[in-house]
Amino acid sequence: MGVKAGRPPVWSRRRLIDGIRFRVRTGVPWRDVPVEYGPWGRIYAPFRRWQRDGTW
């Protein structure tokens, strides 16, 4: 038990959070976030979700 079914994530949550932090710190447009943090859409989606629900 405790094992999730499906494909494992390609980008770790930590890396996506680092990408969000980079964007917030520098103020660059989302599309200009370095690819080392993951695709900009994968970084923006959790940021927007967390922003809406008050987490971020």
Foldseek 3Di string as FASTA:
>chain_A
DPDDDDDDDPADPVLLVVQVVVCVVPVDPLCPRDCSSPHSVVSVVVVVVCVVVVND
